Structure formats: C-alpha cells, structure tokens
Amino acid sequence: MIKIAIPTGRIQNEAIDVLKRAGIPTKNLESASRELAIDEENFRFFLAKPMDVPLYVYYGTTDLALAGSDVLMEVSADLLELVDTGLGRCRMVVAGPRSLKARFEGNEKELMWLRVATKYPNIAERHFASKGVQVDIIKLHGSVELAPQLNIADCIVDITQTGTTLEANDLTILEEVCPVSLKLVARKHGSSSYWRECLNITESIKNIVGRMKDV
C-alpha cells in the first residue's frame, strides 16, 4: 500500500486535485469528513497539519508527501524534492506599517532588533541573518497580521497571495523573502518498498505540470 501525506487547509484541495489528475483514485479522499487516514485501492492517504507533513515522510510513515515549500523551508527536513507542481503559488514576505518602509530602504543597521511576529521563526531568522541583522522573533500561531496593531511586533513575516489581508490590516509589503508553491517530496535516505510506483506517480505529476505550463 502506497502511503501519501497531504496537508489540510489552504492547499488541500489543490493537492487532492493533482493526485486525481495523475490517475490516483481519490473518491474516498474527496468525500472524507473527519477521517485523517483514508484507504482507497492500493493507497493510504494521511491528512495532516501542514507543519507535520514533512515529518511523516522524513520518518518513513509515508512514501510520498505534498507540502508547501514554506513548510519545507521552516521544518528543514532533509527530503528529496521530486516535483514543483507550481500550485498554491504565493509569496513569503516581510510586511509592516508604511512608516517602516524608509528603514527597509535605508541602511540595514536600521533593522537591528526589530520585533518580528511570524508562524515561520526559522525562515524569518535566516532571512534577517543573511542581511547581518539581529531581530527579536516572536512566534505566533495565527492572526499574525494583527501583531503590529496590537504592538506585539513591528512587522511580520508571512505568506500572501493577493495582499488583500495585509491591506485590510494596514500593512504593506516591505520586501519579498521567497516564492512558495506545492511540492512533491520523498524520503532521501532509505528506500520505499513501492519506489517504482512512486517514480510512476512522480512522472505522471511532472507531465501534468508540463501541460499546465503549456496552457
């Protein structure tokens, strides 16, 4: 039985759709309500919180996983990236009040000891460290956009697709950290007993991605 981990939330439907288009049976998966482990023919799917998905495949619980590149960067699990599907595309950005724009456009020393709220503390710390800047990272689990308004932080690091939520909370993009998209990954060390089938799935998804690019 081939085991695949799928993230719940924002990109769950896109992850299921790409599997379906790759010829994988997903009827039970699409109709699942509260089930977190779903069996269908020769497949077992695990629906997991996005941050947990890379660990499922890293520790060999699943053969494959679909995960956002933001999560893969944050968790830093040593995984093999098989396909960038290009789905769920958005951006990881630093955002804050417009009054901070001048500091980000000036000398990087002006950014020292900013308070940065985020669900991605590792990504945020690496981003500012690459500039030689030390900041105070404040980890939040939700409603990160409210942090500057509540004086919890000066700015935030978060993902955005359209920027609408940022604008609604009087925030502007100060700089881009990296692009984000949904990726198919596998365990780098150790071998799956279904590796040939996993390679077939990988090729099917690659073909789908190629056709989407041609449209």
Protein backbone atom coordinates (compact mmCIF):
# COMPACT_ATOMS: atom_id res chain seq x y z
CA MET A 1 0.00 0.00 0.00
CA ILE A 2 1.46 3.35 -1.08
CA LYS A 3 1.17 5.98 1.64
CA ILE A 4 0.89 9.70 0.84
CA ALA A 5 0.69 12.63 3.26
CA ILE A 6 -1.48 15.61 2.28
CA PRO A 7 -1.68 18.98 4.07
CA THR A 8 -5.03 20.17 5.38
CA GLY A 9 -6.11 23.77 4.94
CA ARG A 10 -5.24 26.25 2.18
CA ILE A 11 -3.80 23.85 -0.42
CA GLN A 12 -5.60 20.62 0.47
CA ASN A 13 -8.00 20.73 -2.50
CA GLU A 14 -5.21 21.53 -4.97
CA ALA A 15 -3.12 18.66 -3.58
CA ILE A 16 -6.01 16.22 -3.99
CA ASP A 17 -6.75 17.54 -7.49
CA VAL A 18 -3.19 17.00 -8.73
CA LEU A 19 -3.25 13.42 -7.42
CA LYS A 20 -6.57 12.80 -9.15
CA ARG A 21 -5.24 14.19 -12.43
CA ALA A 22 -2.24 11.88 -12.06
CA GLY A 23 -4.61 8.92 -12.17
CA ILE A 24 -4.61 8.17 -8.45
CA PRO A 25 -8.03 7.15 -7.04
CA THR A 26 -9.27 9.95 -4.77
CA LYS A 27 -13.04 9.35 -4.42
CA ASN A 28 -12.83 8.41 -0.73
CA LEU A 29 -10.32 11.18 -0.12
CA GLU A 30 -12.57 13.81 -1.69
CA SER A 31 -15.56 12.70 0.37
CA ALA A 32 -13.68 12.37 3.68
CA SER A 33 -15.13 14.45 6.51
CA ARG A 34 -13.40 13.81 9.84
CA GLU A 35 -11.22 10.88 8.77
CA LEU A 36 -7.49 11.57 8.85
CA ALA A 37 -6.40 8.22 7.36
CA ILE A 38 -8.24 7.20 4.19
CA ASP A 39 -7.75 3.94 2.29
CA GLU A 40 -8.54 3.60 -1.40
CA GLU A 41 -7.45 0.66 -3.57
CA ASN A 42 -3.66 0.39 -3.15
CA PHE A 43 -3.29 3.79 -1.45
CA ARG A 44 -3.50 5.13 2.07
CA PHE A 45 -3.75 8.91 2.47
CA PHE A 46 -2.95 10.81 5.64
CA LEU A 47 -4.42 14.28 6.14
CA ALA A 48 -2.10 16.19 8.44
CA LYS A 49 -1.39 19.71 9.62
CA PRO A 50 0.94 21.38 7.09
CA MET A 51 3.88 21.64 9.51
CA ASP A 52 3.65 17.91 10.28
CA VAL A 53 3.55 16.68 6.67
CA PRO A 54 7.35 16.73 6.00
CA LEU A 55 7.93 14.71 9.18
CA TYR A 56 5.55 11.98 8.03
CA VAL A 57 7.74 11.26 5.02
CA TYR A 58 11.06 12.01 6.76
CA TYR A 59 10.44 9.32 9.39
CA GLY A 60 9.15 6.83 6.83
CA THR A 61 5.49 6.91 7.87
CA THR A 62 4.58 7.73 4.27
CA ASP A 63 6.28 7.09 0.94
CA LEU A 64 5.44 10.49 -0.52
CA ALA A 65 4.10 13.85 0.61
CA LEU A 66 2.73 17.01 -0.94
CA ALA A 67 3.91 20.01 1.05
CA GLY A 68 4.23 23.75 0.66
CA SER A 69 7.78 24.98 0.14
CA ASP A 70 7.23 27.39 3.06
CA VAL A 71 6.73 24.42 5.38
CA LEU A 72 9.66 22.52 3.89
CA MET A 73 11.94 25.52 4.48
CA GLU A 74 10.68 26.03 8.03
CA VAL A 75 10.98 22.39 9.10
CA SER A 76 14.30 21.89 7.25
CA ALA A 77 13.82 18.12 6.98
CA ASP A 78 16.34 16.52 4.61
CA LEU A 79 13.95 15.40 1.87
CA LEU A 80 14.16 14.68 -1.84
CA GLU A 81 12.20 17.19 -3.93
CA LEU A 82 10.61 15.32 -6.82
CA VAL A 83 8.31 17.88 -8.46
CA ASP A 84 7.46 21.54 -8.01
CA THR A 85 3.79 21.47 -9.01
CA GLY A 86 3.55 25.26 -9.17
CA LEU A 87 0.19 25.00 -7.39
CA GLY A 88 -0.76 27.03 -4.33
CA ARG A 89 1.63 29.72 -5.53
CA CYS A 90 2.12 32.68 -3.22
CA ARG A 91 4.96 34.69 -1.63
CA MET A 92 6.68 34.76 1.71
CA VAL A 93 7.12 38.44 2.58
CA VAL A 94 8.11 40.87 5.29
CA ALA A 95 5.17 43.21 5.85
CA GLY A 96 4.52 46.07 8.22
CA PRO A 97 3.15 49.59 8.58
CA ARG A 98 4.10 52.03 5.82
CA SER A 99 6.07 54.02 8.39
CA LEU A 100 8.69 51.22 8.34
CA LYS A 101 9.31 51.49 4.59
CA ALA A 102 12.10 54.07 4.94
CA ARG A 103 14.00 51.81 7.38
CA PHE A 104 13.87 48.89 4.94
CA GLU A 105 15.02 51.10 2.07
CA GLY A 106 17.90 52.56 4.08
CA ASN A 107 20.93 51.09 5.83
CA GLU A 108 20.39 47.55 7.06
CA LYS A 109 21.61 48.60 10.50
CA GLU A 110 18.26 50.39 10.81
CA LEU A 111 16.62 46.97 11.04
CA MET A 112 18.52 45.83 14.12
CA TRP A 113 16.32 44.46 16.90
CA LEU A 114 13.05 44.86 15.08
CA ARG A 115 10.32 42.78 16.67
CA VAL A 116 9.15 40.30 14.01
CA ALA A 117 5.98 38.23 14.50
CA THR A 118 5.64 35.08 12.43
CA LYS A 119 4.48 31.48 12.16
CA TYR A 120 7.83 30.79 10.50
CA PRO A 121 10.53 31.64 13.06
CA ASN A 122 13.31 29.70 11.33
CA ILE A 123 12.68 31.29 7.93
CA ALA A 124 12.43 34.76 9.49
CA GLU A 125 15.64 34.35 11.47
CA ARG A 126 17.58 33.08 8.44
CA HIS A 127 16.25 35.87 6.26
CA PHE A 128 17.38 38.66 8.57
CA ALA A 129 20.63 36.84 9.45
CA SER A 130 21.50 36.81 5.73
CA LYS A 131 21.49 40.61 5.96
CA GLY A 132 23.69 40.55 9.06
CA VAL A 133 20.74 41.78 11.12
CA GLN A 134 19.63 40.53 14.54
CA VAL A 135 15.92 40.73 15.26
CA ASP A 136 13.58 39.67 18.03
CA ILE A 137 11.48 36.79 16.66
CA ILE A 138 8.00 36.40 18.18
CA LYS A 139 6.32 33.13 17.22
CA LEU A 140 2.55 33.29 16.79
CA HIS A 141 0.19 30.55 15.66
CA GLY A 142 -2.46 32.66 13.97
CA SER A 143 -3.71 36.17 13.11
CA VAL A 144 -0.13 37.30 12.58
CA GLU A 145 -1.38 40.39 10.73
CA LEU A 146 -2.75 41.80 13.98
CA ALA A 147 0.64 41.84 15.73
CA PRO A 148 1.73 45.36 14.64
CA GLN A 149 -1.70 46.81 15.53
CA LEU A 150 -1.53 45.26 18.99
CA ASN A 151 2.07 46.47 19.45
CA ILE A 152 3.27 42.90 19.81
CA ALA A 153 5.66 43.37 16.89
CA ASP A 154 6.98 45.99 14.48
CA CYS A 155 6.49 43.83 11.39
CA ILE A 156 5.61 40.31 10.32
CA VAL A 157 6.92 37.52 8.10
CA ASP A 158 4.07 35.59 6.48
CA ILE A 159 2.74 34.24 3.20
CA THR A 160 0.47 36.29 0.96
CA GLN A 161 -1.27 35.51 -2.30
CA THR A 162 -3.04 38.73 -3.25
CA GLY A 163 -2.02 41.09 -0.45
CA THR A 164 -5.68 41.76 0.39
CA THR A 165 -5.44 40.60 4.02
CA LEU A 166 -2.32 42.69 4.54
CA GLU A 167 -4.02 45.79 3.14
CA ALA A 168 -7.11 45.17 5.29
CA ASN A 169 -4.84 45.33 8.34
CA ASP A 170 -2.99 48.47 7.19
CA LEU A 171 0.17 46.56 6.28
CA THR A 172 2.33 46.90 3.19
CA ILE A 173 4.92 44.53 1.72
CA LEU A 174 8.37 45.74 2.77
CA GLU A 175 10.37 43.04 0.99
CA GLU A 176 9.98 39.58 -0.50
CA VAL A 177 11.60 36.59 1.19
CA CYS A 178 10.90 33.80 -1.31
CA PRO A 179 8.25 32.31 -3.63
CA VAL A 180 6.08 29.50 -2.25
CA SER A 181 4.43 26.56 -4.05
CA LEU A 182 3.26 22.99 -3.52
CA LYS A 183 5.95 20.32 -3.94
CA LEU A 184 6.03 16.52 -4.12
CA VAL A 185 8.72 15.13 -1.82
CA ALA A 186 10.09 11.76 -0.73
CA ARG A 187 12.48 10.46 1.87
CA LYS A 188 16.11 10.97 0.83
CA HIS A 189 17.67 8.25 2.99
CA GLY A 190 16.29 4.74 2.96
CA SER A 191 14.13 3.22 0.27
CA SER A 192 10.41 2.76 -0.09
CA SER A 193 9.19 -0.74 -0.92
CA TYR A 194 7.00 0.98 -3.52
CA TRP A 195 9.73 3.09 -5.09
CA ARG A 196 8.88 2.06 -8.68
CA GLU A 197 5.24 3.06 -8.14
CA CYS A 198 6.40 6.32 -6.53
CA LEU A 199 8.50 7.09 -9.61
CA ASN A 200 5.48 6.45 -11.84
CA ILE A 201 3.43 8.88 -9.75
CA THR A 202 6.24 11.42 -9.98
CA GLU A 203 6.37 11.14 -13.78
CA SER A 204 2.58 11.50 -14.04
CA ILE A 205 2.62 14.66 -11.94
CA LYS A 206 5.58 16.05 -13.93
CA ASN A 207 3.58 15.53 -17.13
CA ILE A 208 0.57 17.31 -15.63
CA VAL A 209 2.73 20.24 -14.55
CA GLY A 210 4.26 20.41 -18.03
CA ARG A 211 0.81 20.52 -19.65
CA MET A 212 -0.33 23.27 -17.26
CA LYS A 213 2.70 25.37 -18.25
CA ASP A 214 1.86 24.93 -21.92
CA VAL A 215 -1.69 26.23 -21.46
